[in-house]
C-alpha atoms as a PDB file:
ATOM      1  CA  MET A   1       4.477 -38.014 -11.454  1.00  0.00           C
ATOM      2  CA  GLN A   2       8.077 -38.301 -10.426  1.00  0.00           C
ATOM      3  CA  SER A   3       8.384 -40.136  -7.343  1.00  0.00           C
ATOM      4  CA  ILE A   4      11.490 -39.265  -5.443  1.00  0.00           C
ATOM      5  CA  GLY A   5      15.124 -41.180  -3.707  1.00  0.00           C
ATOM      6  CA  ILE A   6      17.038 -39.715  -1.392  1.00  0.00           C
ATOM      7  CA  LEU A   7      18.274 -36.110  -1.884  1.00  0.00           C
ATOM      8  CA  CYS A   8      20.867 -36.164   0.868  1.00  0.00           C
ATOM      9  CA  ASP A   9      24.479 -35.692  -0.789  1.00  0.00           C
ATOM     10  CA  SER A  10      25.685 -37.984   2.107  1.00  0.00           C
ATOM     11  CA  ALA A  11      25.353 -41.513   2.698  1.00  0.00           C
ATOM     12  CA  LEU A  12      23.610 -41.356   5.567  1.00  0.00           C
ATOM     13  CA  PRO A  13      20.215 -42.924   6.378  1.00  0.00           C
ATOM     14  CA  ILE A  14      17.459 -41.466   6.083  1.00  0.00           C
ATOM     15  CA  GLN A  15      17.079 -41.127   9.873  1.00  0.00           C
ATOM     16  CA  ASP A  16      20.395 -38.947   9.760  1.00  0.00           C
ATOM     17  CA  SER A  17      19.525 -36.463   7.453  1.00  0.00           C
ATOM     18  CA  ALA A  18      18.289 -34.082   9.043  1.00  0.00           C
ATOM     19  CA  ASN A  19      21.323 -32.905  10.152  1.00  0.00           C
ATOM     20  CA  CYS A  20      22.339 -32.222   6.482  1.00  0.00           C
ATOM     21  CA  GLN A  21      23.249 -28.082   6.400  1.00  0.00           C
ATOM     22  CA  MET A  22      24.096 -26.017   3.657  1.00  0.00           C
ATOM     23  CA  PRO A  23      26.846 -23.305   4.185  1.00  0.00           C
ATOM     24  CA  ASP A  24      24.065 -20.809   3.891  1.00  0.00           C
ATOM     25  CA  GLY A  25      22.526 -21.868   6.775  1.00  0.00           C
ATOM     26  CA  LEU A  26      20.043 -23.732   4.732  1.00  0.00           C
ATOM     27  CA  PRO A  27      18.949 -27.441   5.020  1.00  0.00           C
ATOM     28  CA  SER A  28      19.609 -29.641   1.934  1.00  0.00           C
ATOM     29  CA  THR A  29      16.700 -31.002   1.497  1.00  0.00           C
ATOM     30  CA  LEU A  30      13.216 -29.018   1.860  1.00  0.00           C
ATOM     31  CA  GLY A  31       9.992 -31.130   1.308  1.00  0.00           C
ATOM     32  CA  LEU A  32       6.680 -28.641   0.886  1.00  0.00           C
ATOM     33  CA  LEU A  33       3.408 -30.030   1.544  1.00  0.00           C
ATOM     34  CA  GLY A  34       0.606 -28.135   0.113  1.00  0.00           C
ATOM     35  CA  VAL A  35       1.823 -26.555  -3.438  1.00  0.00           C
ATOM     36  CA  GLY A  36      -0.397 -23.124  -3.334  1.00  0.00           C
ATOM     37  CA  THR A  37      -0.002 -19.805  -3.379  1.00  0.00           C
ATOM     38  CA  ILE A  38       2.196 -19.257  -0.944  1.00  0.00           C
ATOM     39  CA  GLY A  39       3.896 -22.330  -0.813  1.00  0.00           C
ATOM     40  CA  SER A  40       5.021 -22.120  -4.672  1.00  0.00           C
ATOM     41  CA  SER A  41       6.600 -18.500  -3.866  1.00  0.00           C
ATOM     42  CA  LEU A  42       8.458 -19.164  -1.660  1.00  0.00           C
ATOM     43  CA  ILE A  43       9.897 -22.057  -3.569  1.00  0.00           C
ATOM     44  CA  ARG A  44      10.100 -20.199  -6.429  1.00  0.00           C
ATOM     45  CA  GLY A  45      12.165 -16.950  -4.192  1.00  0.00           C
ATOM     46  CA  ILE A  46      14.501 -19.613  -3.328  1.00  0.00           C
ATOM     47  CA  LEU A  47      15.114 -20.697  -6.106  1.00  0.00           C
ATOM     48  CA  ALA A  48      15.129 -18.067  -8.167  1.00  0.00           C
ATOM     49  CA  PRO A  49      18.737 -17.511 -10.448  1.00  0.00           C
ATOM     50  CA  GLY A  50      21.061 -15.141  -8.896  1.00  0.00           C
ATOM     51  CA  GLY A  51      21.707 -13.045  -5.005  1.00  0.00           C
ATOM     52  CA  SER A  52      23.823 -14.696  -2.626  1.00  0.00           C
ATOM     53  CA  LEU A  53      22.427 -18.033  -2.398  1.00  0.00           C
ATOM     54  CA  SER A  54      25.081 -20.706  -3.297  1.00  0.00           C
ATOM     55  CA  THR A  55      23.840 -23.835  -3.388  1.00  0.00           C
ATOM     56  CA  PRO A  56      20.018 -24.331  -4.090  1.00  0.00           C
ATOM     57  CA  PRO A  57      18.558 -26.629  -1.513  1.00  0.00           C
ATOM     58  CA  ARG A  58      16.781 -29.893  -3.466  1.00  0.00           C
ATOM     59  CA  VAL A  59      13.702 -29.824  -3.092  1.00  0.00           C
ATOM     60  CA  VAL A  60      10.705 -32.487  -2.477  1.00  0.00           C
ATOM     61  CA  LEU A  61       6.733 -31.394  -3.700  1.00  0.00           C
ATOM     62  CA  SER A  62       4.358 -33.184  -2.519  1.00  0.00           C
ATOM     63  CA  PRO A  63       1.441 -34.033  -4.827  1.00  0.00           C
ATOM     64  CA  ARG A  64      -0.918 -31.687  -3.517  1.00  0.00           C
ATOM     65  CA  GLY A  65      -1.549 -28.672  -5.666  1.00  0.00           C
ATOM     66  CA  ALA A  66      -0.565 -31.106  -9.077  1.00  0.00           C
ATOM     67  CA  ALA A  67      -0.532 -28.166 -11.423  1.00  0.00           C
ATOM     68  CA  LYS A  68       1.615 -26.008  -9.505  1.00  0.00           C
ATOM     69  CA  ALA A  69       4.081 -28.566  -8.533  1.00  0.00           C
ATOM     70  CA  ALA A  70       4.236 -29.547 -12.494  1.00  0.00           C
ATOM     71  CA  GLU A  71       5.024 -26.105 -13.084  1.00  0.00           C
ATOM     72  CA  LEU A  72       8.106 -25.836 -10.628  1.00  0.00           C
ATOM     73  CA  ALA A  73       9.141 -29.431 -11.215  1.00  0.00           C
ATOM     74  CA  ARG A  74       9.181 -28.012 -14.852  1.00  0.00           C
ATOM     75  CA  ASP A  75      10.722 -24.497 -14.464  1.00  0.00           C
ATOM     76  CA  PHE A  76      13.436 -26.007 -12.239  1.00  0.00           C
ATOM     77  CA  PRO A  77      14.048 -30.226 -12.985  1.00  0.00           C
ATOM     78  CA  SER A  78      17.564 -29.874 -11.075  1.00  0.00           C
ATOM     79  CA  HIS A  79      16.263 -28.627  -7.866  1.00  0.00           C
ATOM     80  CA  VAL A  80      12.693 -30.248  -7.459  1.00  0.00           C
ATOM     81  CA  VAL A  81      11.187 -33.510  -7.874  1.00  0.00           C
ATOM     82  CA  VAL A  82       7.111 -34.732  -7.212  1.00  0.00           C
ATOM     83  CA  ALA A  83       6.251 -37.031  -4.611  1.00  0.00           C
ATOM     84  CA  LYS A  84       4.043 -40.404  -4.942  1.00  0.00           C
ATOM     85  CA  SER A  85       2.712 -38.637  -1.431  1.00  0.00           C
ATOM     86  CA  ASN A  86       3.165 -36.796   1.270  1.00  0.00           C
ATOM     87  CA  GLN A  87       4.494 -39.014   3.815  1.00  0.00           C
ATOM     88  CA  GLU A  88       7.369 -39.455   0.996  1.00  0.00           C
ATOM     89  CA  VAL A  89       7.583 -36.264   1.766  1.00  0.00           C
ATOM     90  CA  VAL A  90       8.548 -36.442   4.876  1.00  0.00           C
ATOM     91  CA  ASP A  91      11.121 -38.962   4.885  1.00  0.00           C
ATOM     92  CA  VAL A  92      13.201 -37.579   2.529  1.00  0.00           C
ATOM     93  CA  ALA A  93      12.913 -34.037   3.881  1.00  0.00           C
ATOM     94  CA  ASP A  94      15.270 -31.808   6.309  1.00  0.00           C
ATOM     95  CA  CYS A  95      12.885 -29.211   6.951  1.00  0.00           C
ATOM     96  CA  VAL A  96       9.646 -29.776   6.123  1.00  0.00           C
ATOM     97  CA  ILE A  97       7.390 -27.122   4.885  1.00  0.00           C
ATOM     98  CA  ILE A  98       3.009 -27.360   5.757  1.00  0.00           C
ATOM     99  CA  ALA A  99       1.669 -25.087   2.776  1.00  0.00           C
ATOM    100  CA  VAL A 100      -2.198 -26.784   2.935  1.00  0.00           C
ATOM    101  CA  LEU A 101      -5.533 -24.462   4.152  1.00  0.00           C
ATOM    102  CA  PHE A 102      -5.746 -24.297   8.342  1.00  0.00           C
ATOM    103  CA  LYS A 103      -8.795 -26.870   8.040  1.00  0.00           C
ATOM    104  CA  GLN A 104      -6.627 -29.467   6.223  1.00  0.00           C
ATOM    105  CA  VAL A 105      -4.281 -28.867   8.820  1.00  0.00           C
ATOM    106  CA  GLU A 106      -5.228 -32.205  11.236  1.00  0.00           C
ATOM    107  CA  GLU A 107      -6.203 -33.808   7.957  1.00  0.00           C
ATOM    108  CA  VAL A 108      -3.183 -33.582   5.686  1.00  0.00           C
ATOM    109  CA  MET A 109      -0.480 -34.207   9.286  1.00  0.00           C
ATOM    110  CA  LYS A 110      -2.400 -36.999  11.489  1.00  0.00           C
ATOM    111  CA  GLY A 111      -0.502 -40.521  10.775  1.00  0.00           C
ATOM    112  CA  LEU A 112       2.824 -38.406   9.543  1.00  0.00           C
ATOM    113  CA  ALA A 113       6.119 -39.913  10.561  1.00  0.00           C
ATOM    114  CA  PHE A 114       8.229 -36.957  11.364  1.00  0.00           C
ATOM    115  CA  ARG A 115      11.672 -37.416  13.097  1.00  0.00           C
ATOM    116  CA  GLU A 116      13.950 -36.097  15.874  1.00  0.00           C
ATOM    117  CA  GLY A 117      15.967 -33.091  14.617  1.00  0.00           C
ATOM    118  CA  GLN A 118      13.576 -32.263  11.961  1.00  0.00           C
ATOM    119  CA  LYS A 119      13.158 -29.156  11.075  1.00  0.00           C
ATOM    120  CA  VAL A 120       8.878 -27.704  10.722  1.00  0.00           C
ATOM    121  CA  VAL A 121       7.428 -24.843   9.411  1.00  0.00           C
ATOM    122  CA  THR A 122       4.165 -23.988   8.550  1.00  0.00           C
ATOM    123  CA  LEU A 123       2.932 -21.286   6.194  1.00  0.00           C
ATOM    124  CA  VAL A 124      -0.799 -21.720   7.768  1.00  0.00           C
ATOM    125  CA  ALA A 125      -2.307 -18.705   9.416  1.00  0.00           C
ATOM    126  CA  GLY A 126      -3.489 -19.643  13.057  1.00  0.00           C
ATOM    127  CA  LEU A 127      -1.068 -22.564  13.252  1.00  0.00           C
ATOM    128  CA  LEU A 128       1.443 -21.192  15.784  1.00  0.00           C
ATOM    129  CA  PRO A 129       4.601 -23.512  16.716  1.00  0.00           C
ATOM    130  CA  LYS A 130       3.244 -25.228  20.216  1.00  0.00           C
ATOM    131  CA  ARG A 131       0.150 -26.650  18.054  1.00  0.00           C
ATOM    132  CA  LEU A 132       2.606 -27.488  14.807  1.00  0.00           C
ATOM    133  CA  GLN A 133       5.175 -29.412  17.681  1.00  0.00           C
ATOM    134  CA  GLU A 134       2.026 -31.812  18.609  1.00  0.00           C
ATOM    135  CA  LEU A 135       1.231 -32.362  15.268  1.00  0.00           C
ATOM    136  CA  SER A 136       5.010 -32.821  13.864  1.00  0.00           C
ATOM    137  CA  SER A 137       6.482 -34.839  17.165  1.00  0.00           C
ATOM    138  CA  PRO A 138       8.742 -36.302  17.732  1.00  0.00           C
ATOM    139  CA  ALA A 139      10.018 -33.524  15.774  1.00  0.00           C
ATOM    140  CA  SER A 140      11.183 -30.063  17.905  1.00  0.00           C
ATOM    141  CA  ASP A 141      12.668 -27.819  15.823  1.00  0.00           C
ATOM    142  CA  CYS A 142       9.189 -26.077  14.647  1.00  0.00           C
ATOM    143  CA  VAL A 143       8.598 -22.310  13.670  1.00  0.00           C
ATOM    144  CA  SER A 144       5.555 -20.752  12.291  1.00  0.00           C
ATOM    145  CA  ALA A 145       6.083 -17.983   9.299  1.00  0.00           C
ATOM    146  CA  ILE A 146       3.868 -16.343   7.149  1.00  0.00           C
ATOM    147  CA  PRO A 147       5.808 -14.877   3.590  1.00  0.00           C
ATOM    148  CA  LEU A 148       3.727 -12.875   1.569  1.00  0.00           C
ATOM    149  CA  PRO A 149       3.384 -13.737  -2.324  1.00  0.00           C
ATOM    150  CA  ALA A 150       5.876 -11.276  -3.842  1.00  0.00           C
ATOM    151  CA  VAL A 151       8.885 -13.716  -1.664  1.00  0.00           C
ATOM    152  CA  ALA A 152       8.759 -15.383  -5.346  1.00  0.00           C
ATOM    153  CA  ARG A 153      10.492 -12.048  -6.603  1.00  0.00           C
ATOM    154  CA  ARG A 154      12.662 -11.617  -3.282  1.00  0.00           C
ATOM    155  CA  ALA A 155      10.880  -8.598  -3.013  1.00  0.00           C
ATOM    156  CA  GLY A 156       8.424 -10.228  -0.268  1.00  0.00           C
ATOM    157  CA  SER A 157       8.091 -10.237   3.490  1.00  0.00           C
ATOM    158  CA  THR A 158       7.674 -12.685   6.131  1.00  0.00           C
ATOM    159  CA  LEU A 159       6.929 -12.963   9.429  1.00  0.00           C
ATOM    160  CA  LEU A 160       8.550 -15.535  11.592  1.00  0.00           C
ATOM    161  CA  THR A 161       8.655 -17.006  14.832  1.00  0.00           C
ATOM    162  CA  PRO A 162      10.641 -17.781  17.468  1.00  0.00           C
ATOM    163  CA  PRO A 163      14.004 -16.816  14.964  1.00  0.00           C
ATOM    164  CA  ARG A 164      15.949 -18.996  13.639  1.00  0.00           C
ATOM    165  CA  PRO A 165      18.696 -19.070  12.322  1.00  0.00           C
ATOM    166  CA  TRP A 166      18.177 -21.544   9.574  1.00  0.00           C
ATOM    167  CA  ALA A 167      14.440 -19.973   8.972  1.00  0.00           C
ATOM    168  CA  GLN A 168      16.037 -16.300   8.852  1.00  0.00           C
ATOM    169  CA  ALA A 169      18.329 -17.205   6.311  1.00  0.00           C
ATOM    170  CA  MET A 170      15.065 -19.091   4.158  1.00  0.00           C
ATOM    171  CA  PHE A 171      13.300 -16.858   4.470  1.00  0.00           C
ATOM    172  CA  GLY A 172      15.883 -13.841   3.691  1.00  0.00           C
ATOM    173  CA  ILE A 173      16.482 -14.865   0.576  1.00  0.00           C
ATOM    174  CA  CYS A 174      13.189 -13.999  -0.450  1.00  0.00           C
ATOM    175  CA  GLY A 175      13.716 -10.520   1.214  1.00  0.00           C
ATOM    176  CA  LYS A 176      12.829  -9.305   4.431  1.00  0.00           C
ATOM    177  CA  CYS A 177      11.956 -11.247   7.272  1.00  0.00           C
ATOM    178  CA  VAL A 178      10.754  -9.944  10.453  1.00  0.00           C
ATOM    179  CA  SER A 179      11.116 -12.321  13.246  1.00  0.00           C
ATOM    180  CA  VAL A 180       9.734 -12.203  17.130  1.00  0.00           C
ATOM    181  CA  GLU A 181       9.807 -14.171  20.188  1.00  0.00           C
ATOM    182  CA  SER A 182       6.056 -13.723  21.285  1.00  0.00           C
ATOM    183  CA  GLU A 183       3.827 -16.065  20.033  1.00  0.00           C
ATOM    184  CA  ALA A 184       0.726 -13.055  21.693  1.00  0.00           C
ATOM    185  CA  GLU A 185       3.102 -10.013  19.267  1.00  0.00           C
ATOM    186  CA  PHE A 186       3.810 -12.887  16.135  1.00  0.00           C
ATOM    187  CA  ARG A 187      -0.332 -13.551  16.276  1.00  0.00           C
ATOM    188  CA  ARG A 188      -0.768  -9.188  16.568  1.00  0.00           C
ATOM    189  CA  LEU A 189       1.652  -8.364  14.001  1.00  0.00           C
ATOM    190  CA  LEU A 190      -0.149 -10.938  11.950  1.00  0.00           C
ATOM    191  CA  CYS A 191      -3.690  -9.060  10.975  1.00  0.00           C
ATOM    192  CA  ILE A 192      -1.574  -6.141   9.297  1.00  0.00           C
ATOM    193  CA  THR A 193      -1.108  -8.579   6.257  1.00  0.00           C
ATOM    194  CA  THR A 194      -4.810  -9.048   6.294  1.00  0.00           C
ATOM    195  CA  LEU A 195      -4.501  -4.930   4.865  1.00  0.00           C
ATOM    196  CA  MET A 196      -3.507  -6.649   1.916  1.00  0.00           C
ATOM    197  CA  GLY A 197      -6.864  -6.905  -0.082  1.00  0.00           C
ATOM    198  CA  ASP A 198      -7.656  -3.278   1.273  1.00  0.00           C
ATOM    199  CA  PHE A 199      -4.506  -1.889  -0.411  1.00  0.00           C
ATOM    200  CA  TYR A 200      -5.518  -3.909  -3.797  1.00  0.00           C
ATOM    201  CA  LYS A 201      -9.054  -2.249  -3.189  1.00  0.00           C
ATOM    202  CA  ARG A 202      -7.220   1.126  -2.796  1.00  0.00           C
ATOM    203  CA  GLN A 203      -5.544   0.715  -6.563  1.00  0.00           C
ATOM    204  CA  LEU A 204      -8.500  -0.695  -7.922  1.00  0.00           C
ATOM    205  CA  THR A 205     -11.086   2.307  -6.679  1.00  0.00           C
ATOM    206  CA  ALA A 206      -7.960   4.894  -7.625  1.00  0.00           C
ATOM    207  CA  GLN A 207      -7.946   2.760 -11.081  1.00  0.00           C
ATOM    208  CA  ARG A 208     -11.729   3.395 -11.755  1.00  0.00           C
ATOM    209  CA  TRP A 209     -12.283   6.686 -10.822  1.00  0.00           C
ATOM    210  CA  LEU A 210      -9.198   7.741 -13.604  1.00  0.00           C
ATOM    211  CA  SER A 211     -10.987   5.604 -15.851  1.00  0.00           C
ATOM    212  CA  SER A 212     -14.533   7.103 -15.712  1.00  0.00           C
ATOM    213  CA  ASN A 213     -13.007   9.880 -15.730  1.00  0.00           C
ATOM    214  CA  GLY A 214     -11.418   9.882 -19.631  1.00  0.00           C
ATOM    215  CA  VAL A 215      -8.288   8.136 -18.801  1.00  0.00           C
ATOM    216  CA  ALA A 216      -7.762   4.782 -20.671  1.00  0.00           C
ATOM    217  CA  GLU A 217      -7.673   1.565 -18.010  1.00  0.00           C
ATOM    218  CA  ALA A 218      -3.860   0.252 -19.089  1.00  0.00           C
ATOM    219  CA  ASP A 219      -2.328   4.051 -18.219  1.00  0.00           C
ATOM    220  CA  ALA A 220      -5.054   4.700 -15.521  1.00  0.00           C
ATOM    221  CA  ALA A 221      -3.364   1.311 -13.968  1.00  0.00           C
ATOM    222  CA  THR A 222      -0.028   1.811 -15.255  1.00  0.00           C
ATOM    223  CA  TRP A 223       0.381   4.900 -12.667  1.00  0.00           C
ATOM    224  CA  VAL A 224      -1.740   3.939 -10.067  1.00  0.00           C
ATOM    225  CA  GLY A 225       0.665   1.301  -9.553  1.00  0.00           C
ATOM    226  CA  ALA A 226       3.701   3.016  -9.626  1.00  0.00           C
ATOM    227  CA  THR A 227       2.368   6.116  -7.702  1.00  0.00           C
ATOM    228  CA  PHE A 228       1.411   3.227  -4.490  1.00  0.00           C
ATOM    229  CA  ALA A 229       5.145   2.132  -5.178  1.00  0.00           C
ATOM    230  CA  THR A 230       6.922   4.951  -5.398  1.00  0.00           C
ATOM    231  CA  PHE A 231       4.512   5.917  -1.290  1.00  0.00           C
ATOM    232  CA  ALA A 232       5.484   2.446  -0.388  1.00  0.00           C
ATOM    233  CA  ALA A 233       9.291   2.723  -0.885  1.00  0.00           C
ATOM    234  CA  ASP A 234       9.624   5.985   1.105  1.00  0.00           C
ATOM    235  CA  SER A 235       8.065   4.074   4.361  1.00  0.00           C
ATOM    236  CA  SER A 236       9.690   0.634   3.340  1.00  0.00           C
ATOM    237  CA  ALA A 237      12.711   0.504   6.095  1.00  0.00           C
ATOM    238  CA  ALA A 238       9.852   2.499   9.084  1.00  0.00           C
ATOM    239  CA  GLU A 239      11.397   3.070  12.309  1.00  0.00           C
ATOM    240  CA  ALA A 240       9.279   3.816  15.253  1.00  0.00           C
ATOM    241  CA  ASP A 241       9.031   7.148  13.985  1.00  0.00           C
ATOM    242  CA  THR A 242       8.575   7.140  10.296  1.00  0.00           C
ATOM    243  CA  PHE A 243       5.103   7.150   9.868  1.00  0.00           C
ATOM    244  CA  SER A 244       4.312   9.804  11.968  1.00  0.00           C
ATOM    245  CA  LYS A 245       6.743  12.533  10.378  1.00  0.00           C
ATOM    246  CA  LEU A 246       5.678  11.311   6.740  1.00  0.00           C
ATOM    247  CA  VAL A 247       2.103  12.181   7.498  1.00  0.00           C
ATOM    248  CA  GLU A 248       3.343  15.279   9.408  1.00  0.00           C
ATOM    249  CA  GLU A 249       5.409  16.066   6.285  1.00  0.00           C
ATOM    250  CA  GLN A 250       2.189  16.547   3.625  1.00  0.00           C
ATOM    251  CA  THR A 251       1.820  20.650   3.143  1.00  0.00           C
ATOM    252  CA  PRO A 252      -0.660  22.409   5.773  1.00  0.00           C
ATOM    253  CA  GLY A 253      -3.536  23.185   4.043  1.00  0.00           C
ATOM    254  CA  GLY A 254      -2.151  21.261   0.664  1.00  0.00           C
ATOM    255  CA  LEU A 255      -4.308  18.918  -1.228  1.00  0.00           C
ATOM    256  CA  ASN A 256      -2.336  15.448   0.533  1.00  0.00           C
ATOM    257  CA  GLU A 257      -3.748  17.047   3.892  1.00  0.00           C
ATOM    258  CA  MET A 258      -6.805  17.462   2.516  1.00  0.00           C
ATOM    259  CA  VAL A 259      -7.479  14.214   1.640  1.00  0.00           C
ATOM    260  CA  TRP A 260      -6.572  12.389   4.835  1.00  0.00           C
ATOM    261  CA  LYS A 261      -7.974  15.074   7.049  1.00  0.00           C
ATOM    262  CA  ALA A 262     -11.249  14.157   4.534  1.00  0.00           C
ATOM    263  CA  GLN A 263     -10.713  10.394   5.405  1.00  0.00           C
ATOM    264  CA  GLU A 264      -9.762  10.511   9.312  1.00  0.00           C
ATOM    265  CA  ALA A 265     -13.550  12.809   9.712  1.00  0.00           C
ATOM    266  CA  ASP A 266     -15.739  10.403   7.716  1.00  0.00           C
ATOM    267  CA  GLU A 267     -13.781   7.608  10.265  1.00  0.00           C
ATOM    268  CA  SER A 268     -12.028   5.719   7.797  1.00  0.00           C
ATOM    269  CA  TYR A 269      -8.899   4.867   9.780  1.00  0.00           C
ATOM    270  CA  GLN A 270     -11.082   4.381  12.838  1.00  0.00           C
ATOM    271  CA  SER A 271     -12.637   1.667  10.455  1.00  0.00           C
ATOM    272  CA  LEU A 272      -9.372   0.316   9.957  1.00  0.00           C
ATOM    273  CA  ALA A 273      -8.740  -0.342  13.520  1.00  0.00           C
ATOM    274  CA  TYR A 274     -12.307  -1.755  13.845  1.00  0.00           C
ATOM    275  CA  SER A 275     -11.576  -4.979  11.283  1.00  0.00           C
ATOM    276  CA  LEU A 276      -8.227  -5.377  12.768  1.00  0.00           C
ATOM    277  CA  ASP A 277      -9.641  -5.999  15.832  1.00  0.00           C
ATOM    278  CA  ALA A 278     -12.299  -8.163  14.496  1.00  0.00           C
ATOM    279  CA  VAL A 279      -8.989  -9.611  12.705  1.00  0.00           C
ATOM    280  CA  PHE A 280      -7.286 -10.072  16.010  1.00  0.00           C
ATOM    281  CA  HIS A 281     -10.324 -12.133  17.686  1.00  0.00           C
ATOM    282  CA  ARG A 282     -10.543 -14.649  14.762  1.00  0.00           C
ATOM    283  CA  LEU A 283      -7.451 -15.242  14.782  1.00  0.00           C
ATOM    284  CA  VAL A 284      -7.389 -16.353  18.552  1.00  0.00           C
ATOM    285  CA  ALA A 285     -11.754 -17.527  18.535  1.00  0.00           C
ATOM    286  CA  GLY A 286     -11.063 -19.220  15.359  1.00  0.00           C
ATOM    287  CA  ALA A 287     -14.669 -17.761  14.372  1.00  0.00           C
ATOM    288  CA  GLU A 288     -15.603 -14.111  13.084  1.00  0.00           C
ATOM    289  CA  ASP A 289     -17.596 -12.030  15.223  1.00  0.00           C
ATOM    290  CA  PRO A 290     -20.322  -9.485  13.481  1.00  0.00           C
ATOM    291  CA  SER A 291     -20.773  -7.149  16.316  1.00  0.00           C
ATOM    292  CA  LEU A 292     -16.838  -6.489  16.105  1.00  0.00           C
ATOM    293  CA  ALA A 293     -17.534  -5.235  12.382  1.00  0.00           C
ATOM    294  CA  PRO A 294     -16.549  -1.622  12.039  1.00  0.00           C
ATOM    295  CA  ALA A 295     -20.265  -0.817  10.434  1.00  0.00           C
ATOM    296  CA  ALA A 296     -21.890  -2.632  13.503  1.00  0.00           C
ATOM    297  CA  LYS A 297     -18.976  -0.330  15.902  1.00  0.00           C
ATOM    298  CA  ARG A 298     -20.506   2.455  14.425  1.00  0.00           C
ATOM    299  CA  LEU A 299     -24.214   1.891  15.238  1.00  0.00           C
ATOM    300  CA  LYS A 300     -23.151   1.285  18.849  1.00  0.00           C
ATOM    301  CA  ARG A 301     -21.719   4.237  19.709  1.00  0.00           C
END
């Protein structure tokens, strides 16, 4: 692995390097602890050529996730280096991004020496700013963010709390950034990201239905993907009444209305709400409650 030196443009010592900020509002040097799917997707989105970013930041990667770290260093050799240790990342970064599994957070962060003025971001679901600040003290500029994988293509969305201009600049490069002040609101909004698997499972079900009825798998996949993307495009800039209006626009007595009414009669949407209740409980309590599963809720009625 390639080792690192101090990457800030100025000749300031390490303890002052957190003052380095680019004209775009981004910290000059980003450090990533845990180079998994989400962390590497974010870095790819930030460093991708084109767009409005005047000068990409320098990025220092931890040795965790060696394969993805090596790919990023290969694809962006002018901006990415791999450190020998997590502490090396923290020592040189103006902004440290935590992107490990929730169960690994305490182990990874204990013993690391952060510094005053340093910015810290967690991409870990369930790790909120208050606890992040405790783990990274004396650093105090801490935010929680949930970026979705499409940030790698600058077509993603990110949930952020609390709103901070430098963090909004970072995630705004990669798509839409939704910022909220309240941790309680953030936790509720976070539940919606868990619908990703359900979304893909519905697409897979539609593809398999087509294929089982004589349509080539490739054609089925292309059409299903394009159709769902079209649906999403109509609601990507949703306002308070957008979804209700879109449902009302379905022709009365038509095929589209037929499907959603049949799903509603089968309690598909109520089941979805139950699943979100169960997800929220797990986020708050730290454990799943089987009695909150949709099937269990139906049995109780």
